Amino acid sequence: MPNRLKEVTYLTMKMLKKYDIVLPSTYSKTFENIAVELEVDFDNIEVLLKELNQESEQVDNIVKKTNDNLTQLQESTTNAQKAIEVNDADSLKEISKELVAMKSQINFLQKELFSDPLTGAYNRRWYSDYYLKDEVFQNDGFLAFLDLDKFKEINDKYGHLIGDQVLKYLVKFLEKELEGIDANIIRYAGDEFLIIFNKSKSTIIHAERTIQDIQEKISHQKLKSAKIKELQFSFSYGFIHFTRGDHSEDILDQVDELMYKNKQRNS
């Protein structure tokens, strides 16, 4: 439910962004309409608050474990310094083992904090807190904005569990096609994904052609399950070049318009 709430909130703000003034009643009505469209039920507020609290506790737990690791790192550094001073090889070996285990734990915590729990792609927190700084790009690159075509129809016809499987399949497919390419996959919201290409290791022609090829390939894939004989889906995309210092919101607005033009051509 927290992820669905974020999706409704994001889509509401996206829809109302074009207005200079938004009255509370307008926001409320828009929020309600989107919630109904996505079949999100907020009637049981106690359940909703409980789930939101669980997510908050998860983040707090990650922060606590990270702080514990930092404390241990400080102790290990102090012990290592003493061991070096007295040339204690056995102690240095034990400290080395501690650091290896600590590195593994930190990597796990970082992945948990910055990963979308459904698809395993990076989440918006990674994009906002790690890739950007104060909502500004720190490097040059290329950005593709992907939006699944008629995803609501898939959910309506087959159910949200199958819809979730489609999203997971898409990310796995993208990971396979982008293997060996310096690109990051982010689940931005619902069925919207970002793919960021490192400019220093790619060209605008190569990056966009890669997205075009993936778009063509995915449209020919056929998903099957015990309950579904055959399911096909596709996505539309926008593609744009960004430079260091560009504001994320400006780039996302532009690439969003390009995506809708692509969707209109494909419909």
Protein backbone atom coordinates (compact mmCIF):
# COMPACT_ATOMS: atom_id res chain seq x y z
CA MET A 1 0.00 0.00 0.00
CA PRO A 2 2.74 2.60 0.72
CA ASN A 3 4.04 2.22 -2.84
CA ARG A 4 0.49 2.62 -4.19
CA LEU A 5 0.02 5.74 -2.05
CA LYS A 6 3.24 7.19 -3.42
CA GLU A 7 2.05 6.42 -6.94
CA VAL A 8 -1.27 8.20 -6.39
CA THR A 9 0.51 11.18 -4.80
CA TYR A 10 3.05 11.38 -7.63
CA LEU A 11 0.41 11.22 -10.36
CA THR A 12 -1.71 13.83 -8.57
CA MET A 13 1.18 16.27 -8.33
CA LYS A 14 2.16 15.55 -11.92
CA MET A 15 -1.35 16.32 -13.15
CA LEU A 16 -1.65 19.53 -11.14
CA LYS A 17 1.85 20.83 -11.87
CA LYS A 18 0.64 22.88 -14.85
CA TYR A 19 -1.60 25.04 -12.63
CA ASP A 20 -0.24 28.15 -10.91
CA ILE A 21 -2.78 27.86 -8.10
CA VAL A 22 -4.16 24.60 -6.69
CA LEU A 23 -7.02 24.77 -4.21
CA PRO A 24 -7.23 22.06 -1.53
CA SER A 25 -10.53 20.89 -2.99
CA THR A 26 -8.95 20.50 -6.44
CA TYR A 27 -6.06 18.49 -5.04
CA SER A 28 -8.41 16.32 -3.00
CA LYS A 29 -10.69 15.60 -5.95
CA THR A 30 -7.80 14.83 -8.29
CA PHE A 31 -6.20 12.57 -5.69
CA GLU A 32 -9.50 10.74 -5.17
CA ASN A 33 -10.08 10.25 -8.92
CA ILE A 34 -6.61 8.81 -9.46
CA ALA A 35 -6.99 6.53 -6.44
CA VAL A 36 -10.26 5.20 -7.88
CA GLU A 37 -8.66 4.72 -11.31
CA LEU A 38 -5.79 2.73 -9.79
CA GLU A 39 -8.18 0.84 -7.51
CA VAL A 40 -6.44 2.01 -4.36
CA ASP A 41 -8.68 1.78 -1.31
CA PHE A 42 -7.88 4.26 1.44
CA ASP A 43 -11.00 3.59 3.52
CA ASN A 44 -9.15 1.69 6.20
CA ILE A 45 -6.88 4.48 7.40
CA GLU A 46 -5.52 2.41 10.31
CA VAL A 47 -4.13 -0.24 7.93
CA LEU A 48 -2.66 2.47 5.72
CA LEU A 49 -0.94 4.23 8.60
CA LYS A 50 0.36 0.91 9.92
CA GLU A 51 1.95 0.06 6.57
CA LEU A 52 3.42 3.54 6.22
CA ASN A 53 4.84 3.21 9.71
CA GLN A 54 6.37 -0.16 8.81
CA GLU A 55 8.14 1.42 5.85
CA SER A 56 9.41 4.24 8.07
CA GLU A 57 10.66 1.68 10.59
CA GLN A 58 12.46 -0.17 7.80
CA VAL A 59 14.35 2.98 6.82
CA ASP A 60 15.10 3.73 10.49
CA ASN A 61 16.43 0.19 10.89
CA ILE A 62 18.71 0.62 7.87
CA VAL A 63 20.03 3.90 9.30
CA LYS A 64 20.64 2.28 12.68
CA LYS A 65 22.51 -0.66 11.15
CA THR A 66 24.57 1.74 9.05
CA ASN A 67 25.50 3.75 12.15
CA ASP A 68 26.43 0.51 13.92
CA ASN A 69 28.73 -0.35 11.04
CA LEU A 70 30.32 3.10 11.18
CA THR A 71 30.94 2.67 14.91
CA GLN A 72 32.50 -0.73 14.29
CA LEU A 73 34.60 0.75 11.47
CA GLN A 74 35.92 3.41 13.83
CA GLU A 75 36.83 0.76 16.43
CA SER A 76 38.49 -1.45 13.79
CA THR A 77 40.50 1.51 12.50
CA THR A 78 41.70 2.32 16.01
CA ASN A 79 42.60 -1.33 16.65
CA ALA A 80 44.38 -1.56 13.30
CA GLN A 81 46.46 1.49 14.10
CA LYS A 82 47.53 -0.06 17.43
CA ALA A 83 48.27 -3.42 15.75
CA ILE A 84 50.45 -1.72 13.15
CA GLU A 85 52.38 0.14 15.85
CA VAL A 86 53.24 -3.13 17.64
CA ASN A 87 53.45 -5.18 14.42
CA ASP A 88 50.68 -7.58 15.56
CA ALA A 89 50.03 -9.62 12.40
CA ASP A 90 47.36 -11.86 13.99
CA SER A 91 45.28 -8.88 15.07
CA LEU A 92 45.54 -7.33 11.61
CA LYS A 93 44.21 -10.55 10.05
CA GLU A 94 41.17 -10.51 12.36
CA ILE A 95 40.56 -6.83 11.61
CA SER A 96 40.76 -7.58 7.89
CA LYS A 97 38.06 -10.25 8.26
CA GLU A 98 35.87 -7.77 10.16
CA LEU A 99 36.23 -5.20 7.39
CA VAL A 100 35.29 -7.71 4.69
CA ALA A 101 32.14 -8.69 6.60
CA MET A 102 31.35 -5.04 7.24
CA LYS A 103 31.69 -4.18 3.54
CA SER A 104 29.26 -6.97 2.65
CA GLN A 105 26.74 -5.72 5.23
CA ILE A 106 27.00 -2.12 4.02
CA ASN A 107 26.49 -3.20 0.41
CA PHE A 108 23.39 -5.13 1.46
CA LEU A 109 21.98 -2.16 3.39
CA GLN A 110 22.64 0.21 0.50
CA LYS A 111 20.89 -2.12 -1.92
CA GLU A 112 17.91 -2.44 0.44
CA LEU A 113 17.65 1.33 0.84
CA PHE A 114 17.93 2.19 -2.85
CA SER A 115 16.12 -0.77 -4.46
CA ASP A 116 12.51 -1.04 -5.56
CA PRO A 117 11.18 -4.01 -3.54
CA LEU A 118 9.08 -5.35 -6.43
CA THR A 119 11.41 -5.22 -9.43
CA GLY A 120 14.87 -4.88 -7.91
CA ALA A 121 15.55 -1.77 -10.01
CA TYR A 122 16.81 1.40 -8.34
CA ASN A 123 14.07 3.46 -6.70
CA ARG A 124 13.32 7.18 -6.73
CA ARG A 125 15.27 7.60 -3.49
CA TRP A 126 18.43 6.48 -5.30
CA TYR A 127 17.72 8.87 -8.16
CA SER A 128 16.98 11.85 -5.90
CA ASP A 129 19.45 11.24 -3.07
CA TYR A 130 22.32 9.48 -4.84
CA TYR A 131 22.37 10.41 -8.51
CA LEU A 132 21.27 14.04 -8.13
CA LYS A 133 22.42 16.77 -5.79
CA ASP A 134 19.77 19.32 -4.81
CA GLU A 135 17.68 18.05 -7.76
CA VAL A 136 20.49 18.93 -10.20
CA PHE A 137 22.45 16.55 -12.45
CA GLN A 138 26.11 16.22 -11.49
CA ASN A 139 27.24 14.63 -14.76
CA ASP A 140 26.45 14.64 -18.47
CA GLY A 141 24.40 11.77 -19.81
CA PHE A 142 21.36 10.50 -21.67
CA LEU A 143 18.00 9.70 -20.14
CA ALA A 144 15.24 7.46 -21.46
CA PHE A 145 11.78 7.69 -19.90
CA LEU A 146 9.72 4.49 -20.37
CA ASP A 147 5.98 4.17 -19.83
CA LEU A 148 4.13 0.88 -20.35
CA ASP A 149 1.33 1.02 -22.91
CA LYS A 150 -2.20 0.29 -21.64
CA PHE A 151 -0.89 -1.06 -18.36
CA LYS A 152 -4.18 -0.33 -16.60
CA GLU A 153 -5.91 -2.65 -19.10
CA ILE A 154 -3.48 -5.42 -18.15
CA ASN A 155 -4.30 -4.93 -14.46
CA ASP A 156 -8.03 -4.77 -15.18
CA LYS A 157 -8.03 -7.89 -17.34
CA TYR A 158 -5.54 -10.12 -15.53
CA GLY A 159 -5.25 -8.62 -12.04
CA HIS A 160 -2.51 -6.73 -10.20
CA LEU A 161 -0.47 -9.87 -9.49
CA ILE A 162 0.01 -10.39 -13.22
CA GLY A 163 0.65 -6.66 -13.60
CA ASP A 164 3.43 -6.99 -11.04
CA GLN A 165 4.89 -9.91 -12.99
CA VAL A 166 4.93 -7.77 -16.14
CA LEU A 167 6.88 -5.06 -14.32
CA LYS A 168 9.39 -7.59 -12.99
CA TYR A 169 9.74 -9.18 -16.42
CA LEU A 170 10.39 -5.78 -18.00
CA VAL A 171 13.23 -4.99 -15.58
CA LYS A 172 14.83 -8.41 -16.11
CA PHE A 173 14.56 -7.91 -19.86
CA LEU A 174 16.12 -4.45 -19.61
CA GLU A 175 18.96 -5.76 -17.44
CA LYS A 176 19.74 -8.45 -19.99
CA GLU A 177 19.64 -6.08 -22.96
CA LEU A 178 21.74 -3.45 -21.16
CA GLU A 179 24.35 -5.92 -19.92
CA GLY A 180 27.83 -4.51 -20.52
CA ILE A 181 26.47 -0.99 -20.99
CA ASP A 182 26.99 1.65 -18.30
CA ALA A 183 23.30 2.34 -17.68
CA ASN A 184 21.11 2.47 -14.57
CA ILE A 185 17.46 1.38 -14.41
CA ILE A 186 15.13 3.26 -12.05
CA ARG A 187 11.51 2.48 -11.28
CA TYR A 188 10.29 6.04 -11.08
CA ALA A 189 6.58 5.51 -10.36
CA GLY A 190 4.09 2.73 -11.06
CA ASP A 191 4.78 1.60 -14.63
CA GLU A 192 7.21 4.46 -15.37
CA PHE A 193 10.94 3.76 -15.58
CA LEU A 194 14.06 5.81 -16.19
CA ILE A 195 17.21 4.54 -17.86
CA ILE A 196 20.29 6.73 -17.41
CA PHE A 197 23.28 6.27 -19.71
CA ASN A 198 26.77 7.48 -18.79
CA LYS A 199 27.84 9.89 -21.57
CA SER A 200 31.53 9.11 -21.14
CA LYS A 201 30.85 5.46 -22.03
CA SER A 202 28.13 5.86 -24.64
CA THR A 203 27.01 8.10 -27.50
CA ILE A 204 23.61 9.63 -28.10
CA ILE A 205 23.15 7.57 -31.26
CA HIS A 206 24.13 4.30 -29.57
CA ALA A 207 22.04 4.96 -26.46
CA GLU A 208 18.85 5.87 -28.31
CA ARG A 209 19.29 3.03 -30.80
CA THR A 210 19.61 0.66 -27.83
CA ILE A 211 16.24 1.86 -26.48
CA GLN A 212 14.66 1.57 -29.93
CA ASP A 213 15.91 -2.00 -30.26
CA ILE A 214 14.60 -2.91 -26.79
CA GLN A 215 11.23 -1.36 -27.60
CA GLU A 216 11.00 -3.47 -30.75
CA LYS A 217 12.14 -6.68 -29.04
CA ILE A 218 9.84 -6.38 -26.02
CA SER A 219 6.77 -5.95 -28.24
CA HIS A 220 7.37 -9.42 -29.69
CA GLN A 221 7.80 -11.19 -26.34
CA LYS A 222 4.99 -13.51 -25.24
CA LEU A 223 4.45 -14.11 -21.54
CA LYS A 224 2.73 -17.29 -20.46
CA SER A 225 1.56 -18.71 -17.15
CA ALA A 226 -0.74 -21.40 -15.81
CA LYS A 227 -3.68 -19.00 -16.07
CA ILE A 228 -2.62 -16.98 -19.12
CA LYS A 229 -2.14 -18.54 -22.50
CA GLU A 230 -0.35 -15.55 -23.97
CA LEU A 231 0.26 -11.93 -22.94
CA GLN A 232 2.09 -9.30 -24.94
CA PHE A 233 2.90 -5.75 -23.89
CA SER A 234 4.91 -2.77 -25.08
CA PHE A 235 6.21 0.56 -23.87
CA SER A 236 6.59 4.07 -25.21
CA TYR A 237 9.64 6.18 -24.49
CA GLY A 238 11.15 9.62 -24.60
CA PHE A 239 14.87 10.17 -24.95
CA ILE A 240 16.92 13.23 -24.07
CA HIS A 241 20.46 14.45 -23.50
CA PHE A 242 21.19 16.21 -20.20
CA THR A 243 24.26 18.07 -19.00
CA ARG A 244 25.82 18.82 -15.65
CA GLY A 245 23.83 21.57 -13.93
CA ASP A 246 20.49 20.77 -15.59
CA HIS A 247 17.54 20.59 -13.21
CA SER A 248 15.92 17.17 -13.01
CA GLU A 249 12.37 18.54 -13.14
CA ASP A 250 13.06 20.43 -16.38
CA ILE A 251 14.59 17.36 -18.04
CA LEU A 252 11.77 15.10 -16.85
CA ASP A 253 9.14 17.50 -18.19
CA GLN A 254 10.81 17.52 -21.60
CA VAL A 255 11.35 13.78 -21.81
CA ASP A 256 7.78 13.19 -20.61
CA GLU A 257 6.46 15.19 -23.59
CA LEU A 258 8.69 13.21 -25.96
CA MET A 259 7.37 9.98 -24.47
CA TYR A 260 3.76 10.99 -25.11
CA LYS A 261 4.59 11.87 -28.71
CA ASN A 262 6.09 8.41 -29.10
CA LYS A 263 2.97 6.87 -27.50
CA GLN A 264 0.70 8.75 -29.93
CA ARG A 265 2.72 7.50 -32.91
CA ASN A 266 2.48 3.92 -31.65
CA SER A 267 -1.25 3.97 -30.86
